[in-house]
Amino acid sequence: MADYSRVYKMSFAGVYPHYITKAEKKGRSQEEVDRVICWLTGYDTGQLHSQIDKKVSMETFFEEAPELNPNASKITGVICGHRVEEIKEPLMQKIRYMDKIVDELARGKAMEKILRS
């Protein structure tokens, strides 16, 4: 099994600006990034930014998330060379779900499709 401990210890606040930059380069907004992350995790915008201010680890970010969206399992495809639906480690899969939906946002996918509605 791969050792993901380095990824789990990364600060969410350290990753978040990269999500914003990636989206904004493609004409999307921080509000849209927040919306997809909140959809996935169950945080509201205030809670999301509180987690960023507290500089929690990726592990803590997902541990404290109110509720993973029941439609998260509908997120499929390849991110960083791995099929997200085939990742066995639950926390790593959640992190890759988040990477994937931010990637979809940056690629111009419609919000309704990203949110699996």
C-alpha atoms as a PDB file:
ATOM      1  CA  MET A   1       0.000   0.000   0.000  1.00  0.00           C
ATOM      2  CA  ALA A   2       1.259   3.470  -0.846  1.00  0.00           C
ATOM      3  CA  ASP A   3       2.272   5.792   1.964  1.00  0.00           C
ATOM      4  CA  TYR A   4       0.051   8.838   1.725  1.00  0.00           C
ATOM      5  CA  SER A   5       0.993  10.289   5.123  1.00  0.00           C
ATOM      6  CA  ARG A   6       2.818  13.243   3.530  1.00  0.00           C
ATOM      7  CA  VAL A   7      -0.307  14.182   1.570  1.00  0.00           C
ATOM      8  CA  TYR A   8      -2.530  13.751   4.638  1.00  0.00           C
ATOM      9  CA  LYS A   9      -0.318  16.087   6.684  1.00  0.00           C
ATOM     10  CA  MET A  10      -0.328  18.812   4.015  1.00  0.00           C
ATOM     11  CA  SER A  11      -2.164  21.947   5.040  1.00  0.00           C
ATOM     12  CA  PHE A  12      -5.492  22.439   3.277  1.00  0.00           C
ATOM     13  CA  ALA A  13      -4.722  26.172   3.417  1.00  0.00           C
ATOM     14  CA  GLY A  14      -1.577  25.428   1.399  1.00  0.00           C
ATOM     15  CA  VAL A  15      -3.486  23.575  -1.326  1.00  0.00           C
ATOM     16  CA  TYR A  16      -6.545  25.846  -1.518  1.00  0.00           C
ATOM     17  CA  PRO A  17      -4.780  28.810  -3.257  1.00  0.00           C
ATOM     18  CA  HIS A  18      -3.615  26.427  -5.996  1.00  0.00           C
ATOM     19  CA  TYR A  19      -7.239  25.401  -6.592  1.00  0.00           C
ATOM     20  CA  ILE A  20      -8.225  29.083  -6.849  1.00  0.00           C
ATOM     21  CA  THR A  21      -5.349  29.889  -9.227  1.00  0.00           C
ATOM     22  CA  LYS A  22      -6.129  26.888 -11.432  1.00  0.00           C
ATOM     23  CA  ALA A  23      -9.801  27.875 -11.682  1.00  0.00           C
ATOM     24  CA  GLU A  24      -9.195  31.609 -12.172  1.00  0.00           C
ATOM     25  CA  LYS A  25      -6.705  30.959 -14.991  1.00  0.00           C
ATOM     26  CA  LYS A  26      -9.622  29.355 -16.829  1.00  0.00           C
ATOM     27  CA  GLY A  27     -12.116  32.123 -16.092  1.00  0.00           C
ATOM     28  CA  ARG A  28     -13.792  30.518 -13.072  1.00  0.00           C
ATOM     29  CA  SER A  29     -14.120  32.191  -9.660  1.00  0.00           C
ATOM     30  CA  GLN A  30     -13.141  31.550  -6.062  1.00  0.00           C
ATOM     31  CA  GLU A  31     -16.872  31.415  -5.276  1.00  0.00           C
ATOM     32  CA  GLU A  32     -17.242  28.524  -7.732  1.00  0.00           C
ATOM     33  CA  VAL A  33     -14.283  26.686  -6.174  1.00  0.00           C
ATOM     34  CA  ASP A  34     -15.839  27.198  -2.733  1.00  0.00           C
ATOM     35  CA  ARG A  35     -19.174  25.947  -4.037  1.00  0.00           C
ATOM     36  CA  VAL A  36     -17.785  22.654  -5.356  1.00  0.00           C
ATOM     37  CA  ILE A  37     -15.688  22.059  -2.227  1.00  0.00           C
ATOM     38  CA  CYS A  38     -18.693  22.821   0.014  1.00  0.00           C
ATOM     39  CA  TRP A  39     -20.864  20.517  -2.104  1.00  0.00           C
ATOM     40  CA  LEU A  40     -18.357  17.684  -1.637  1.00  0.00           C
ATOM     41  CA  THR A  41     -17.656  18.160   2.075  1.00  0.00           C
ATOM     42  CA  GLY A  42     -20.841  19.604   3.563  1.00  0.00           C
ATOM     43  CA  TYR A  43     -19.020  22.661   4.905  1.00  0.00           C
ATOM     44  CA  ASP A  44     -20.706  26.014   4.427  1.00  0.00           C
ATOM     45  CA  THR A  45     -18.533  28.878   3.164  1.00  0.00           C
ATOM     46  CA  GLY A  46     -17.878  30.200   6.669  1.00  0.00           C
ATOM     47  CA  GLN A  47     -16.816  26.779   7.949  1.00  0.00           C
ATOM     48  CA  LEU A  48     -14.635  26.269   4.875  1.00  0.00           C
ATOM     49  CA  HIS A  49     -12.770  29.526   5.454  1.00  0.00           C
ATOM     50  CA  SER A  50     -12.493  28.783   9.170  1.00  0.00           C
ATOM     51  CA  GLN A  51     -10.680  25.531   8.282  1.00  0.00           C
ATOM     52  CA  ILE A  52      -8.369  27.527   5.989  1.00  0.00           C
ATOM     53  CA  ASP A  53      -7.696  30.093   8.759  1.00  0.00           C
ATOM     54  CA  LYS A  54      -6.891  27.272  11.211  1.00  0.00           C
ATOM     55  CA  LYS A  55      -4.471  25.779   8.662  1.00  0.00           C
ATOM     56  CA  VAL A  56      -5.779  22.257   9.289  1.00  0.00           C
ATOM     57  CA  SER A  57      -4.196  19.274   7.582  1.00  0.00           C
ATOM     58  CA  MET A  58      -5.944  17.564   4.683  1.00  0.00           C
ATOM     59  CA  GLU A  59      -6.682  14.699   7.067  1.00  0.00           C
ATOM     60  CA  THR A  60      -8.323  16.997   9.638  1.00  0.00           C
ATOM     61  CA  PHE A  61     -10.161  18.875   6.883  1.00  0.00           C
ATOM     62  CA  PHE A  62     -11.937  15.687   5.830  1.00  0.00           C
ATOM     63  CA  GLU A  63     -12.298  14.270   9.360  1.00  0.00           C
ATOM     64  CA  GLU A  64     -14.123  17.437  10.440  1.00  0.00           C
ATOM     65  CA  ALA A  65     -16.181  17.753   7.243  1.00  0.00           C
ATOM     66  CA  PRO A  66     -19.891  17.726   8.138  1.00  0.00           C
ATOM     67  CA  GLU A  67     -20.824  15.086   5.559  1.00  0.00           C
ATOM     68  CA  LEU A  68     -19.349  13.799   2.333  1.00  0.00           C
ATOM     69  CA  ASN A  69     -21.917  14.358  -0.401  1.00  0.00           C
ATOM     70  CA  PRO A  70     -23.810  11.109  -1.098  1.00  0.00           C
ATOM     71  CA  ASN A  71     -23.226  11.705  -4.836  1.00  0.00           C
ATOM     72  CA  ALA A  72     -19.433  11.868  -4.392  1.00  0.00           C
ATOM     73  CA  SER A  73     -19.183   8.276  -5.598  1.00  0.00           C
ATOM     74  CA  LYS A  74     -20.444   9.522  -8.981  1.00  0.00           C
ATOM     75  CA  ILE A  75     -17.150  11.395  -9.412  1.00  0.00           C
ATOM     76  CA  THR A  76     -15.150   9.262 -11.826  1.00  0.00           C
ATOM     77  CA  GLY A  77     -12.197   9.641 -14.099  1.00  0.00           C
ATOM     78  CA  VAL A  78      -8.450  10.014 -13.922  1.00  0.00           C
ATOM     79  CA  ILE A  79      -6.573  12.467 -11.722  1.00  0.00           C
ATOM     80  CA  CYS A  80      -2.792  12.319 -11.233  1.00  0.00           C
ATOM     81  CA  GLY A  81      -2.733   9.098 -13.227  1.00  0.00           C
ATOM     82  CA  HIS A  82      -5.206   7.245 -11.001  1.00  0.00           C
ATOM     83  CA  ARG A  83      -8.884   6.422 -11.551  1.00  0.00           C
ATOM     84  CA  VAL A  84     -10.623   8.074  -8.586  1.00  0.00           C
ATOM     85  CA  GLU A  85     -13.295   5.378  -8.428  1.00  0.00           C
ATOM     86  CA  GLU A  86     -10.603   2.700  -7.971  1.00  0.00           C
ATOM     87  CA  ILE A  87      -8.656   4.335  -5.106  1.00  0.00           C
ATOM     88  CA  LYS A  88      -8.951   1.966  -2.139  1.00  0.00           C
ATOM     89  CA  GLU A  89      -7.741   4.309   0.625  1.00  0.00           C
ATOM     90  CA  PRO A  90     -10.864   6.280   1.721  1.00  0.00           C
ATOM     91  CA  LEU A  91      -9.118   9.530   2.698  1.00  0.00           C
ATOM     92  CA  MET A  92      -6.995   9.599  -0.449  1.00  0.00           C
ATOM     93  CA  GLN A  93     -10.120   8.983  -2.517  1.00  0.00           C
ATOM     94  CA  LYS A  94     -11.833  11.999  -0.905  1.00  0.00           C
ATOM     95  CA  ILE A  95      -8.785  14.178  -1.611  1.00  0.00           C
ATOM     96  CA  ARG A  96      -8.763  13.011  -5.232  1.00  0.00           C
ATOM     97  CA  TYR A  97     -12.527  13.633  -5.509  1.00  0.00           C
ATOM     98  CA  MET A  98     -11.808  17.243  -4.528  1.00  0.00           C
ATOM     99  CA  ASP A  99      -8.908  17.477  -6.994  1.00  0.00           C
ATOM    100  CA  LYS A 100     -11.133  16.058  -9.727  1.00  0.00           C
ATOM    101  CA  ILE A 101     -14.071  18.432  -9.262  1.00  0.00           C
ATOM    102  CA  VAL A 102     -11.765  21.470  -9.126  1.00  0.00           C
ATOM    103  CA  ASP A 103     -10.144  20.154 -12.314  1.00  0.00           C
ATOM    104  CA  GLU A 104     -13.571  19.792 -13.939  1.00  0.00           C
ATOM    105  CA  LEU A 105     -14.405  23.366 -12.910  1.00  0.00           C
ATOM    106  CA  ALA A 106     -11.160  24.643 -14.439  1.00  0.00           C
ATOM    107  CA  ARG A 107     -11.907  22.734 -17.644  1.00  0.00           C
ATOM    108  CA  GLY A 108     -15.174  24.623 -18.051  1.00  0.00           C
ATOM    109  CA  LYS A 109     -17.564  21.815 -17.171  1.00  0.00           C
ATOM    110  CA  ALA A 110     -21.073  23.001 -16.295  1.00  0.00           C
ATOM    111  CA  MET A 111     -21.720  23.408 -12.564  1.00  0.00           C
ATOM    112  CA  GLU A 112     -24.780  21.090 -12.703  1.00  0.00           C
ATOM    113  CA  LYS A 113     -22.565  18.312 -14.100  1.00  0.00           C
ATOM    114  CA  ILE A 114     -19.787  18.900 -11.538  1.00  0.00           C
ATOM    115  CA  LEU A 115     -22.339  18.762  -8.717  1.00  0.00           C
ATOM    116  CA  ARG A 116     -23.765  15.527 -10.160  1.00  0.00           C
ATOM    117  CA  SER A 117     -27.301  16.926 -10.051  1.00  0.00           C
END
